[in-house]
PDB file of N, CA and C in Angstrom:
ATOM      1  N   MET A   1     126.535 121.107 116.957  1.00  0.00           N
ATOM      2  CA  MET A   1     127.106 120.925 115.843  1.00  0.00           C
ATOM      3  C   MET A   1     128.244 121.865 115.484  1.00  0.00           C
ATOM      4  N   SER A   2     129.764 121.487 114.768  1.00  0.00           N
ATOM      5  CA  SER A   2     130.606 122.042 114.197  1.00  0.00           C
ATOM      6  C   SER A   2     130.329 123.221 113.802  1.00  0.00           C
ATOM      7  N   ASN A   3     131.166 124.328 113.251  1.00  0.00           N
ATOM      8  CA  ASN A   3     131.053 125.310 112.672  1.00  0.00           C
ATOM      9  C   ASN A   3     130.868 125.013 111.006  1.00  0.00           C
ATOM     10  N   VAL A   4     131.595 123.585 110.322  1.00  0.00           N
ATOM     11  CA  VAL A   4     131.751 123.289 109.533  1.00  0.00           C
ATOM     12  C   VAL A   4     130.947 122.691 109.066  1.00  0.00           C
ATOM     13  N   LEU A   5     130.058 121.421 109.903  1.00  0.00           N
ATOM     14  CA  LEU A   5     129.290 121.067 109.782  1.00  0.00           C
ATOM     15  C   LEU A   5     127.282 122.128 109.790  1.00  0.00           C
ATOM     16  N   LYS A   6     127.787 123.230 109.925  1.00  0.00           N
ATOM     17  CA  LYS A   6     126.641 124.223 109.779  1.00  0.00           C
ATOM     18  C   LYS A   6     126.573 124.672 108.819  1.00  0.00           C
ATOM     19  N   GLN A   7     128.160 124.894 108.355  1.00  0.00           N
ATOM     20  CA  GLN A   7     128.301 126.124 107.130  1.00  0.00           C
ATOM     21  C   GLN A   7     128.261 124.880 105.883  1.00  0.00           C
ATOM     22  N   LYS A   8     128.070 123.324 105.891  1.00  0.00           N
ATOM     23  CA  LYS A   8     128.604 122.804 104.747  1.00  0.00           C
ATOM     24  C   LYS A   8     126.513 122.415 104.650  1.00  0.00           C
ATOM     25  N   ASN A   9     126.062 122.028 106.014  1.00  0.00           N
ATOM     26  CA  ASN A   9     124.301 122.326 105.357  1.00  0.00           C
ATOM     27  C   ASN A   9     123.586 123.435 105.251  1.00  0.00           C
ATOM     28  N   LEU A  10     123.897 124.375 105.589  1.00  0.00           N
ATOM     29  CA  LEU A  10     123.725 126.184 105.096  1.00  0.00           C
ATOM     30  C   LEU A  10     123.824 126.200 103.308  1.00  0.00           C
ATOM     31  N   ASN A  11     125.096 125.388 103.118  1.00  0.00           N
ATOM     32  CA  ASN A  11     125.599 125.051 101.307  1.00  0.00           C
ATOM     33  C   ASN A  11     124.122 124.301 101.035  1.00  0.00           C
ATOM     34  N   ALA A  12     124.378 123.462 101.341  1.00  0.00           N
ATOM     35  CA  ALA A  12     123.503 122.404 100.697  1.00  0.00           C
ATOM     36  C   ALA A  12     121.497 122.929 100.656  1.00  0.00           C
ATOM     37  N   ALA A  13     121.325 123.869 101.719  1.00  0.00           N
ATOM     38  CA  ALA A  13     119.670 124.317 101.698  1.00  0.00           C
ATOM     39  C   ALA A  13     119.875 125.329 101.133  1.00  0.00           C
ATOM     40  N   ARG A  14     120.913 126.475 100.159  1.00  0.00           N
ATOM     41  CA  ARG A  14     121.454 127.304  99.620  1.00  0.00           C
ATOM     42  C   ARG A  14     120.778 126.735  98.092  1.00  0.00           C
ATOM     43  N   ARG A  15     121.429 125.457  97.825  1.00  0.00           N
ATOM     44  CA  ARG A  15     122.050 125.000  96.883  1.00  0.00           C
ATOM     45  C   ARG A  15     120.800 124.029  96.334  1.00  0.00           C
ATOM     46  N   ALA A  16     119.992 123.389  96.778  1.00  0.00           N
ATOM     47  CA  ALA A  16     118.558 123.317  97.279  1.00  0.00           C
ATOM     48  C   ALA A  16     117.537 124.137  97.135  1.00  0.00           C
ATOM     49  N   HIS A  17     117.848 124.941  97.520  1.00  0.00           N
ATOM     50  CA  HIS A  17     116.222 125.851  97.430  1.00  0.00           C
ATOM     51  C   HIS A  17     116.922 127.038  96.037  1.00  0.00           C
ATOM     52  N   ARG A  18     118.098 126.846  95.397  1.00  0.00           N
ATOM     53  CA  ARG A  18     118.093 127.406  93.978  1.00  0.00           C
ATOM     54  C   ARG A  18     117.397 126.632  93.224  1.00  0.00           C
ATOM     55  N   VAL A  19     117.736 125.733  93.410  1.00  0.00           N
ATOM     56  CA  VAL A  19     117.405 124.235  92.093  1.00  0.00           C
ATOM     57  C   VAL A  19     116.062 124.579  92.073  1.00  0.00           C
ATOM     58  N   ARG A  20     115.307 124.376  93.659  1.00  0.00           N
ATOM     59  CA  ARG A  20     113.853 124.337  93.528  1.00  0.00           C
ATOM     60  C   ARG A  20     113.294 125.706  93.034  1.00  0.00           C
ATOM     61  N   ALA A  21     113.827 126.653  93.016  1.00  0.00           N
ATOM     62  CA  ALA A  21     113.127 128.147  93.055  1.00  0.00           C
ATOM     63  C   ALA A  21     112.954 127.648  91.558  1.00  0.00           C
ATOM     64  N   ARG A  22     113.182 126.838  90.928  1.00  0.00           N
ATOM     65  CA  ARG A  22     113.318 127.028  89.014  1.00  0.00           C
ATOM     66  C   ARG A  22     112.510 126.446  89.055  1.00  0.00           C
ATOM     67  N   ILE A  23     111.756 124.582  89.910  1.00  0.00           N
ATOM     68  CA  ILE A  23     111.591 124.073  89.307  1.00  0.00           C
ATOM     69  C   ILE A  23     109.779 123.830  90.110  1.00  0.00           C
ATOM     70  N   THR A  24     108.711 123.046  89.175  1.00  0.00           N
ATOM     71  CA  THR A  24     108.051 123.066  89.911  1.00  0.00           C
ATOM     72  C   THR A  24     106.778 122.176  89.487  1.00  0.00           C
ATOM     73  N   GLY A  25     106.104 121.459  89.953  1.00  0.00           N
ATOM     74  CA  GLY A  25     105.743 119.769  89.029  1.00  0.00           C
ATOM     75  C   GLY A  25     103.845 120.250  88.474  1.00  0.00           C
ATOM     76  N   THR A  26     103.599 120.132  87.538  1.00  0.00           N
ATOM     77  CA  THR A  26     102.429 120.422  86.945  1.00  0.00           C
ATOM     78  C   THR A  26     101.868 119.464  87.042  1.00  0.00           C
ATOM     79  N   THR A  27     100.887 119.393  86.327  1.00  0.00           N
ATOM     80  CA  THR A  27     100.070 118.350  86.458  1.00  0.00           C
ATOM     81  C   THR A  27      99.883 117.528  84.314  1.00  0.00           C
ATOM     82  N   GLU A  28     100.558 118.177  83.688  1.00  0.00           N
ATOM     83  CA  GLU A  28     101.557 117.722  82.182  1.00  0.00           C
ATOM     84  C   GLU A  28     102.476 117.166  82.890  1.00  0.00           C
ATOM     85  N   ARG A  29     102.984 118.364  83.453  1.00  0.00           N
ATOM     86  CA  ARG A  29     104.346 117.919  83.660  1.00  0.00           C
ATOM     87  C   ARG A  29     105.072 117.317  85.673  1.00  0.00           C
ATOM     88  N   PRO A  30     104.985 116.560  86.209  1.00  0.00           N
ATOM     89  CA  PRO A  30     104.603 116.575  87.562  1.00  0.00           C
ATOM     90  C   PRO A  30     106.774 116.411  87.965  1.00  0.00           C
ATOM     91  N   ARG A  31     106.970 116.468  88.988  1.00  0.00           N
ATOM     92  CA  ARG A  31     108.533 116.742  89.389  1.00  0.00           C
ATOM     93  C   ARG A  31     108.998 115.518  90.158  1.00  0.00           C
ATOM     94  N   MET A  32     110.181 114.788  89.439  1.00  0.00           N
ATOM     95  CA  MET A  32     110.748 113.816  90.358  1.00  0.00           C
ATOM     96  C   MET A  32     111.524 114.414  91.577  1.00  0.00           C
ATOM     97  N   ALA A  33     111.279 114.249  92.368  1.00  0.00           N
ATOM     98  CA  ALA A  33     112.359 114.389  93.501  1.00  0.00           C
ATOM     99  C   ALA A  33     113.111 113.228  94.021  1.00  0.00           C
ATOM    100  N   VAL A  34     114.475 113.527  94.191  1.00  0.00           N
ATOM    101  CA  VAL A  34     115.598 112.204  94.472  1.00  0.00           C
ATOM    102  C   VAL A  34     115.779 112.677  96.571  1.00  0.00           C
ATOM    103  N   ASN A  35     116.001 111.472  96.567  1.00  0.00           N
ATOM    104  CA  ASN A  35     115.874 111.624  98.219  1.00  0.00           C
ATOM    105  C   ASN A  35     117.402 110.715  98.626  1.00  0.00           C
ATOM    106  N   ILE A  36     119.183 110.719  99.096  1.00  0.00           N
ATOM    107  CA  ILE A  36     119.619 109.856  99.045  1.00  0.00           C
ATOM    108  C   ILE A  36     120.392 110.055 100.574  1.00  0.00           C
ATOM    109  N   SER A  37     119.815 108.674 101.184  1.00  0.00           N
ATOM    110  CA  SER A  37     120.713 109.256 102.534  1.00  0.00           C
ATOM    111  C   SER A  37     122.001 108.035 102.480  1.00  0.00           C
ATOM    112  N   ASN A  38     122.252 107.431 103.794  1.00  0.00           N
ATOM    113  CA  ASN A  38     123.449 107.513 103.876  1.00  0.00           C
ATOM    114  C   ASN A  38     123.358 105.357 103.261  1.00  0.00           C
ATOM    115  N   MET A  39     122.493 105.346 103.893  1.00  0.00           N
ATOM    116  CA  MET A  39     121.914 103.445 103.667  1.00  0.00           C
ATOM    117  C   MET A  39     121.043 103.133 102.182  1.00  0.00           C
ATOM    118  N   HIS A  40     120.422 105.044 101.599  1.00  0.00           N
ATOM    119  CA  HIS A  40     119.154 103.856 100.871  1.00  0.00           C
ATOM    120  C   HIS A  40     118.815 104.718  99.908  1.00  0.00           C
ATOM    121  N   ILE A  41     118.184 105.102  98.738  1.00  0.00           N
ATOM    122  CA  ILE A  41     117.677 106.032  98.075  1.00  0.00           C
ATOM    123  C   ILE A  41     116.235 105.915  97.814  1.00  0.00           C
ATOM    124  N   SER A  42     115.876 106.894  97.461  1.00  0.00           N
ATOM    125  CA  SER A  42     113.239 107.351  97.462  1.00  0.00           C
ATOM    126  C   SER A  42     113.291 108.042  96.462  1.00  0.00           C
ATOM    127  N   ALA A  43     112.587 107.936  95.787  1.00  0.00           N
ATOM    128  CA  ALA A  43     112.259 109.025  94.417  1.00  0.00           C
ATOM    129  C   ALA A  43     111.062 109.154  94.583  1.00  0.00           C
ATOM    130  N   GLN A  44     110.200 110.270  94.554  1.00  0.00           N
ATOM    131  CA  GLN A  44     108.996 110.302  93.943  1.00  0.00           C
ATOM    132  C   GLN A  44     108.431 111.221  92.832  1.00  0.00           C
ATOM    133  N   ILE A  45     107.336 111.518  92.332  1.00  0.00           N
ATOM    134  CA  ILE A  45     106.815 112.066  91.476  1.00  0.00           C
ATOM    135  C   ILE A  45     105.424 112.851  92.119  1.00  0.00           C
ATOM    136  N   ILE A  46     105.687 114.018  91.854  1.00  0.00           N
ATOM    137  CA  ILE A  46     104.265 114.702  93.159  1.00  0.00           C
ATOM    138  C   ILE A  46     104.231 116.139  91.754  1.00  0.00           C
ATOM    139  N   ASN A  47     103.216 116.501  92.137  1.00  0.00           N
ATOM    140  CA  ASN A  47     102.188 117.453  91.693  1.00  0.00           C
ATOM    141  C   ASN A  47     101.629 118.773  92.370  1.00  0.00           C
ATOM    142  N   ASP A  48     102.831 119.343  92.283  1.00  0.00           N
ATOM    143  CA  ASP A  48     102.749 120.519  92.988  1.00  0.00           C
ATOM    144  C   ASP A  48     101.789 121.120  93.522  1.00  0.00           C
ATOM    145  N   GLU A  49     100.904 121.175  92.455  1.00  0.00           N
ATOM    146  CA  GLU A  49      99.354 122.160  92.140  1.00  0.00           C
ATOM    147  C   GLU A  49      98.386 121.525  93.388  1.00  0.00           C
ATOM    148  N   THR A  50      98.763 120.267  93.645  1.00  0.00           N
ATOM    149  CA  THR A  50      97.206 119.828  94.366  1.00  0.00           C
ATOM    150  C   THR A  50      98.252 119.408  95.018  1.00  0.00           C
ATOM    151  N   GLY A  51      99.659 118.739  95.498  1.00  0.00           N
ATOM    152  CA  GLY A  51     100.248 118.728  96.318  1.00  0.00           C
ATOM    153  C   GLY A  51     100.306 116.873  96.600  1.00  0.00           C
ATOM    154  N   LYS A  52     100.626 116.117  95.778  1.00  0.00           N
ATOM    155  CA  LYS A  52      99.962 114.526  95.499  1.00  0.00           C
ATOM    156  C   LYS A  52     101.250 114.113  95.163  1.00  0.00           C
ATOM    157  N   THR A  53     101.229 113.056  95.857  1.00  0.00           N
ATOM    158  CA  THR A  53     102.536 112.163  95.424  1.00  0.00           C
ATOM    159  C   THR A  53     101.630 110.963  94.711  1.00  0.00           C
ATOM    160  N   LEU A  54     102.283 111.222  93.103  1.00  0.00           N
ATOM    161  CA  LEU A  54     101.519 110.417  92.047  1.00  0.00           C
ATOM    162  C   LEU A  54     102.341 108.932  91.582  1.00  0.00           C
ATOM    163  N   ALA A  55     103.887 108.862  92.345  1.00  0.00           N
ATOM    164  CA  ALA A  55     104.322 107.658  92.368  1.00  0.00           C
ATOM    165  C   ALA A  55     105.519 107.955  92.941  1.00  0.00           C
ATOM    166  N   TYR A  56     105.977 106.629  93.526  1.00  0.00           N
ATOM    167  CA  TYR A  56     106.993 106.759  94.559  1.00  0.00           C
ATOM    168  C   TYR A  56     107.487 105.227  94.827  1.00  0.00           C
ATOM    169  N   ALA A  57     108.958 105.522  94.808  1.00  0.00           N
ATOM    170  CA  ALA A  57     109.760 103.558  94.910  1.00  0.00           C
ATOM    171  C   ALA A  57     111.119 104.169  95.703  1.00  0.00           C
ATOM    172  N   THR A  58     111.442 103.644  96.660  1.00  0.00           N
ATOM    173  CA  THR A  58     112.699 103.175  97.508  1.00  0.00           C
ATOM    174  C   THR A  58     112.500 102.439  97.786  1.00  0.00           C
ATOM    175  N   SER A  59     114.789 102.120  98.087  1.00  0.00           N
ATOM    176  CA  SER A  59     115.160 100.918  98.336  1.00  0.00           C
ATOM    177  C   SER A  59     115.264 100.334  99.683  1.00  0.00           C
ATOM    178  N   VAL A  60     113.993 101.132 100.594  1.00  0.00           N
ATOM    179  CA  VAL A  60     114.144 100.744 101.945  1.00  0.00           C
ATOM    180  C   VAL A  60     113.064  99.435 101.640  1.00  0.00           C
ATOM    181  N   GLY A  61     113.494  98.722 102.870  1.00  0.00           N
ATOM    182  CA  GLY A  61     113.423  97.362 102.345  1.00  0.00           C
ATOM    183  C   GLY A  61     113.311  96.140 101.443  1.00  0.00           C
ATOM    184  N   GLN A  62     114.652  96.503 100.572  1.00  0.00           N
ATOM    185  CA  GLN A  62     114.184  95.273  98.969  1.00  0.00           C
ATOM    186  C   GLN A  62     115.781  95.050  99.473  1.00  0.00           C
ATOM    187  N   LYS A  63     115.761  94.092  98.833  1.00  0.00           N
ATOM    188  CA  LYS A  63     117.052  93.069  98.946  1.00  0.00           C
ATOM    189  C   LYS A  63     117.758  93.300  97.084  1.00  0.00           C
ATOM    190  N   ILE A  64     118.417  94.382  97.600  1.00  0.00           N
ATOM    191  CA  ILE A  64     119.176  94.964  96.090  1.00  0.00           C
ATOM    192  C   ILE A  64     120.695  94.555  96.380  1.00  0.00           C
ATOM    193  N   GLU A  65     121.261  94.101  95.315  1.00  0.00           N
ATOM    194  CA  GLU A  65     122.680  93.204  95.668  1.00  0.00           C
ATOM    195  C   GLU A  65     123.544  94.560  94.793  1.00  0.00           C
ATOM    196  N   GLY A  66     124.545  94.749  95.624  1.00  0.00           N
ATOM    197  CA  GLY A  66     125.616  95.835  95.408  1.00  0.00           C
ATOM    198  C   GLY A  66     125.765  96.994  95.528  1.00  0.00           C
ATOM    199  N   ASN A  67     125.891  98.190  95.262  1.00  0.00           N
ATOM    200  CA  ASN A  67     126.614  99.118  96.029  1.00  0.00           C
ATOM    201  C   ASN A  67     125.236 100.167  95.876  1.00  0.00           C
ATOM    202  N   MET A  68     125.742 101.540  96.413  1.00  0.00           N
ATOM    203  CA  MET A  68     124.211 102.628  96.321  1.00  0.00           C
ATOM    204  C   MET A  68     123.802 102.976  94.422  1.00  0.00           C
ATOM    205  N   THR A  69     124.963 102.696  93.410  1.00  0.00           N
ATOM    206  CA  THR A  69     124.478 103.028  92.379  1.00  0.00           C
ATOM    207  C   THR A  69     123.690 101.789  91.990  1.00  0.00           C
ATOM    208  N   ALA A  70     124.157 100.845  91.869  1.00  0.00           N
ATOM    209  CA  ALA A  70     123.164  99.539  91.854  1.00  0.00           C
ATOM    210  C   ALA A  70     122.256  99.896  92.629  1.00  0.00           C
ATOM    211  N   LYS A  71     121.065 100.667  93.625  1.00  0.00           N
ATOM    212  CA  LYS A  71     120.412 100.537  94.331  1.00  0.00           C
ATOM    213  C   LYS A  71     119.397 101.644  93.665  1.00  0.00           C
ATOM    214  N   ALA A  72     120.566 102.735  93.316  1.00  0.00           N
ATOM    215  CA  ALA A  72     119.915 104.215  92.230  1.00  0.00           C
ATOM    216  C   ALA A  72     118.991 103.755  91.078  1.00  0.00           C
ATOM    217  N   VAL A  73     120.185 102.499  90.754  1.00  0.00           N
ATOM    218  CA  VAL A  73     119.177 102.005  89.259  1.00  0.00           C
ATOM    219  C   VAL A  73     118.097 101.433  89.393  1.00  0.00           C
ATOM    220  N   TRP A  74     118.352 100.669  90.483  1.00  0.00           N
ATOM    221  CA  TRP A  74     116.863  99.859  90.846  1.00  0.00           C
ATOM    222  C   TRP A  74     115.900 101.004  91.048  1.00  0.00           C
ATOM    223  N   VAL A  75     115.683 101.859  91.719  1.00  0.00           N
ATOM    224  CA  VAL A  75     115.051 103.021  92.029  1.00  0.00           C
ATOM    225  C   VAL A  75     114.175 103.784  90.881  1.00  0.00           C
ATOM    226  N   GLY A  76     114.963 103.786  90.301  1.00  0.00           N
ATOM    227  CA  GLY A  76     114.936 104.695  89.098  1.00  0.00           C
ATOM    228  C   GLY A  76     114.145 104.144  87.607  1.00  0.00           C
ATOM    229  N   GLU A  77     114.492 102.450  87.985  1.00  0.00           N
ATOM    230  CA  GLU A  77     114.190 101.759  87.064  1.00  0.00           C
ATOM    231  C   GLU A  77     112.326 101.103  87.710  1.00  0.00           C
ATOM    232  N   ALA A  78     112.339 101.439  89.051  1.00  0.00           N
ATOM    233  CA  ALA A  78     110.941 100.736  89.554  1.00  0.00           C
ATOM    234  C   ALA A  78     110.107 102.315  89.397  1.00  0.00           C
ATOM    235  N   LEU A  79     110.693 103.443  89.727  1.00  0.00           N
ATOM    236  CA  LEU A  79     109.522 104.310  89.257  1.00  0.00           C
ATOM    237  C   LEU A  79     109.084 104.674  87.898  1.00  0.00           C
ATOM    238  N   ALA A  80     109.798 104.041  87.087  1.00  0.00           N
ATOM    239  CA  ALA A  80     109.800 104.571  85.901  1.00  0.00           C
ATOM    240  C   ALA A  80     108.541 103.595  85.240  1.00  0.00           C
ATOM    241  N   LYS A  81     108.737 102.188  86.274  1.00  0.00           N
ATOM    242  CA  LYS A  81     107.592 101.722  85.532  1.00  0.00           C
ATOM    243  C   LYS A  81     106.459 102.039  86.788  1.00  0.00           C
ATOM    244  N   LYS A  82     105.995 102.453  87.765  1.00  0.00           N
ATOM    245  CA  LYS A  82     105.357 102.301  88.983  1.00  0.00           C
ATOM    246  C   LYS A  82     104.502 104.714  87.905  1.00  0.00           C
ATOM    247  N   ALA A  83     105.056 105.229  87.168  1.00  0.00           N
ATOM    248  CA  ALA A  83     104.893 105.966  86.402  1.00  0.00           C
ATOM    249  C   ALA A  83     104.299 105.835  85.345  1.00  0.00           C
ATOM    250  N   LYS A  84     104.574 104.831  84.487  1.00  0.00           N
ATOM    251  CA  LYS A  84     104.155 104.511  83.477  1.00  0.00           C
ATOM    252  C   LYS A  84     102.764 103.725  83.124  1.00  0.00           C
ATOM    253  N   THR A  85     102.512 102.702  84.740  1.00  0.00           N
ATOM    254  CA  THR A  85     101.245 102.635  85.374  1.00  0.00           C
ATOM    255  C   THR A  85     100.451 104.059  85.480  1.00  0.00           C
ATOM    256  N   ALA A  86     100.746 104.764  86.175  1.00  0.00           N
ATOM    257  CA  ALA A  86      99.580 106.638  86.913  1.00  0.00           C
ATOM    258  C   ALA A  86     100.008 107.155  85.202  1.00  0.00           C
ATOM    259  N   LYS A  87      99.601 106.225  84.058  1.00  0.00           N
ATOM    260  CA  LYS A  87     100.391 107.480  82.585  1.00  0.00           C
ATOM    261  C   LYS A  87     100.800 108.416  82.457  1.00  0.00           C
ATOM    262  N   ILE A  88     102.314 108.603  83.233  1.00  0.00           N
ATOM    263  CA  ILE A  88     103.224 109.850  83.253  1.00  0.00           C
ATOM    264  C   ILE A  88     104.275 109.044  82.756  1.00  0.00           C
ATOM    265  N   GLY A  89     104.307 110.417  81.495  1.00  0.00           N
ATOM    266  CA  GLY A  89     105.166 110.443  79.949  1.00  0.00           C
ATOM    267  C   GLY A  89     105.894 111.401  80.473  1.00  0.00           C
ATOM    268  N   LYS A  90     106.384 112.660  80.575  1.00  0.00           N
ATOM    269  CA  LYS A  90     107.111 113.786  81.357  1.00  0.00           C
ATOM    270  C   LYS A  90     107.246 114.315  81.855  1.00  0.00           C
ATOM    271  N   ILE A  91     108.108 114.585  83.001  1.00  0.00           N
ATOM    272  CA  ILE A  91     108.814 114.890  83.809  1.00  0.00           C
ATOM    273  C   ILE A  91     109.700 116.250  84.447  1.00  0.00           C
ATOM    274  N   VAL A  92     109.233 116.491  85.303  1.00  0.00           N
ATOM    275  CA  VAL A  92     110.808 117.684  85.587  1.00  0.00           C
ATOM    276  C   VAL A  92     112.228 116.976  86.963  1.00  0.00           C
ATOM    277  N   PHE A  93     113.105 116.985  86.734  1.00  0.00           N
ATOM    278  CA  PHE A  93     113.983 116.323  87.177  1.00  0.00           C
ATOM    279  C   PHE A  93     113.633 117.263  88.282  1.00  0.00           C
ATOM    280  N   ASP A  94     114.224 116.824  89.529  1.00  0.00           N
ATOM    281  CA  ASP A  94     114.807 117.488  91.090  1.00  0.00           C
ATOM    282  C   ASP A  94     115.618 116.889  91.738  1.00  0.00           C
ATOM    283  N   ARG A  95     116.768 117.358  91.591  1.00  0.00           N
ATOM    284  CA  ARG A  95     117.978 116.988  92.242  1.00  0.00           C
ATOM    285  C   ARG A  95     118.294 117.432  93.031  1.00  0.00           C
ATOM    286  N   SER A  96     117.739 118.387  93.976  1.00  0.00           N
ATOM    287  CA  SER A  96     118.109 118.857  94.961  1.00  0.00           C
ATOM    288  C   SER A  96     118.873 119.580  95.385  1.00  0.00           C
ATOM    289  N   SER A  97     119.786 119.528  96.328  1.00  0.00           N
ATOM    290  CA  SER A  97     121.181 119.663  96.434  1.00  0.00           C
ATOM    291  C   SER A  97     122.316 119.288  96.074  1.00  0.00           C
ATOM    292  N   LYS A  98     122.062 118.330  95.567  1.00  0.00           N
ATOM    293  CA  LYS A  98     122.748 117.362  94.934  1.00  0.00           C
ATOM    294  C   LYS A  98     123.515 117.375  93.567  1.00  0.00           C
ATOM    295  N   LYS A  99     124.848 117.177  93.364  1.00  0.00           N
ATOM    296  CA  LYS A  99     125.153 117.264  91.973  1.00  0.00           C
ATOM    297  C   LYS A  99     124.772 116.476  90.792  1.00  0.00           C
ATOM    298  N   TYR A 100     124.024 116.998  89.535  1.00  0.00           N
ATOM    299  CA  TYR A 100     124.077 115.527  88.711  1.00  0.00           C
ATOM    300  C   TYR A 100     125.411 114.818  88.290  1.00  0.00           C
ATOM    301  N   HIS A 101     125.218 113.833  89.210  1.00  0.00           N
ATOM    302  CA  HIS A 101     126.499 113.021  89.167  1.00  0.00           C
ATOM    303  C   HIS A 101     126.747 111.827  89.382  1.00  0.00           C
ATOM    304  N   GLY A 102     126.909 110.543  88.961  1.00  0.00           N
ATOM    305  CA  GLY A 102     127.619 109.264  90.390  1.00  0.00           C
ATOM    306  C   GLY A 102     125.737 108.671  90.097  1.00  0.00           C
ATOM    307  N   ARG A 103     125.526 108.947  91.490  1.00  0.00           N
ATOM    308  CA  ARG A 103     124.037 108.377  91.788  1.00  0.00           C
ATOM    309  C   ARG A 103     122.773 109.100  91.729  1.00  0.00           C
ATOM    310  N   ILE A 104     123.013 110.172  91.472  1.00  0.00           N
ATOM    311  CA  ILE A 104     121.698 111.073  90.726  1.00  0.00           C
ATOM    312  C   ILE A 104     121.840 110.220  89.132  1.00  0.00           C
ATOM    313  N   LYS A 105     123.098 110.548  88.568  1.00  0.00           N
ATOM    314  CA  LYS A 105     122.925 110.411  87.247  1.00  0.00           C
ATOM    315  C   LYS A 105     122.402 108.814  86.893  1.00  0.00           C
ATOM    316  N   ALA A 106     122.925 108.026  87.836  1.00  0.00           N
ATOM    317  CA  ALA A 106     122.161 106.869  87.591  1.00  0.00           C
ATOM    318  C   ALA A 106     120.826 106.583  87.797  1.00  0.00           C
ATOM    319  N   LEU A 107     120.483 107.101  88.280  1.00  0.00           N
ATOM    320  CA  LEU A 107     119.224 107.217  88.579  1.00  0.00           C
ATOM    321  C   LEU A 107     118.305 107.524  87.770  1.00  0.00           C
ATOM    322  N   ALA A 108     118.355 108.995  87.294  1.00  0.00           N
ATOM    323  CA  ALA A 108     117.720 109.403  86.120  1.00  0.00           C
ATOM    324  C   ALA A 108     117.913 108.744  84.327  1.00  0.00           C
ATOM    325  N   ASP A 109     119.559 108.178  84.407  1.00  0.00           N
ATOM    326  CA  ASP A 109     119.358 107.423  83.156  1.00  0.00           C
ATOM    327  C   ASP A 109     118.587 106.179  83.273  1.00  0.00           C
ATOM    328  N   ALA A 110     118.496 105.934  84.540  1.00  0.00           N
ATOM    329  CA  ALA A 110     117.954 104.043  84.722  1.00  0.00           C
ATOM    330  C   ALA A 110     116.227 104.614  84.616  1.00  0.00           C
ATOM    331  N   ALA A 111     116.080 105.655  84.832  1.00  0.00           N
ATOM    332  CA  ALA A 111     114.221 106.527  84.463  1.00  0.00           C
ATOM    333  C   ALA A 111     113.760 106.416  83.198  1.00  0.00           C
ATOM    334  N   ARG A 112     115.414 107.233  82.910  1.00  0.00           N
ATOM    335  CA  ARG A 112     114.880 107.651  81.352  1.00  0.00           C
ATOM    336  C   ARG A 112     115.113 106.195  79.976  1.00  0.00           C
ATOM    337  N   ALA A 113     115.782 104.884  81.007  1.00  0.00           N
ATOM    338  CA  ALA A 113     115.779 104.012  79.958  1.00  0.00           C
ATOM    339  C   ALA A 113     114.657 103.059  80.345  1.00  0.00           C
ATOM    340  N   GLY A 114     113.679 103.841  81.278  1.00  0.00           N
ATOM    341  CA  GLY A 114     112.247 103.010  81.621  1.00  0.00           C
ATOM    342  C   GLY A 114     111.269 103.618  81.126  1.00  0.00           C
ATOM    343  N   GLY A 115     111.704 104.965  80.509  1.00  0.00           N
ATOM    344  CA  GLY A 115     110.464 105.540  79.403  1.00  0.00           C
ATOM    345  C   GLY A 115     110.249 106.688  79.490  1.00  0.00           C
ATOM    346  N   LEU A 116     110.546 107.767  80.992  1.00  0.00           N
ATOM    347  CA  LEU A 116     110.443 108.494  81.399  1.00  0.00           C
ATOM    348  C   LEU A 116     111.359 109.679  80.641  1.00  0.00           C
ATOM    349  N   GLU A 117     111.047 111.116  80.440  1.00  0.00           N
ATOM    350  CA  GLU A 117     111.162 111.861  79.497  1.00  0.00           C
ATOM    351  C   GLU A 117     111.617 113.125  79.955  1.00  0.00           C
ATOM    352  N   PHE A 118     112.558 113.855  80.456  1.00  0.00           N
ATOM    353  CA  PHE A 118     112.914 114.742  80.824  1.00  0.00           C
ATOM    354  C   PHE A 118     114.159 115.148  80.662  1.00  0.00           C
TER     355      PHE A 118
END
């Protein structure tokens, strides 16, 4: 791996650690963790006290028309529906090393429109 890629990965790990140091999911307010790859988006709601995933949504295996932002909106809506069935209303948003911009913002706005509070 080149030095540029090593530095990019190190910077991303530092940002993720900085965000994660301040955020923990509890029983009252579980953590919504978002993962974005080059092709797919996934998000899950986690109770860090017990280490259990309470709700999960992903674009893998789904026939979603449009770009990655459309996939992010779909995942946000699907996760909000699953959270509602699991009786989860308030969450803490974990954006990991990503900026709150673009796809992350689209997913968060769709989850808020679906009824989640954060």
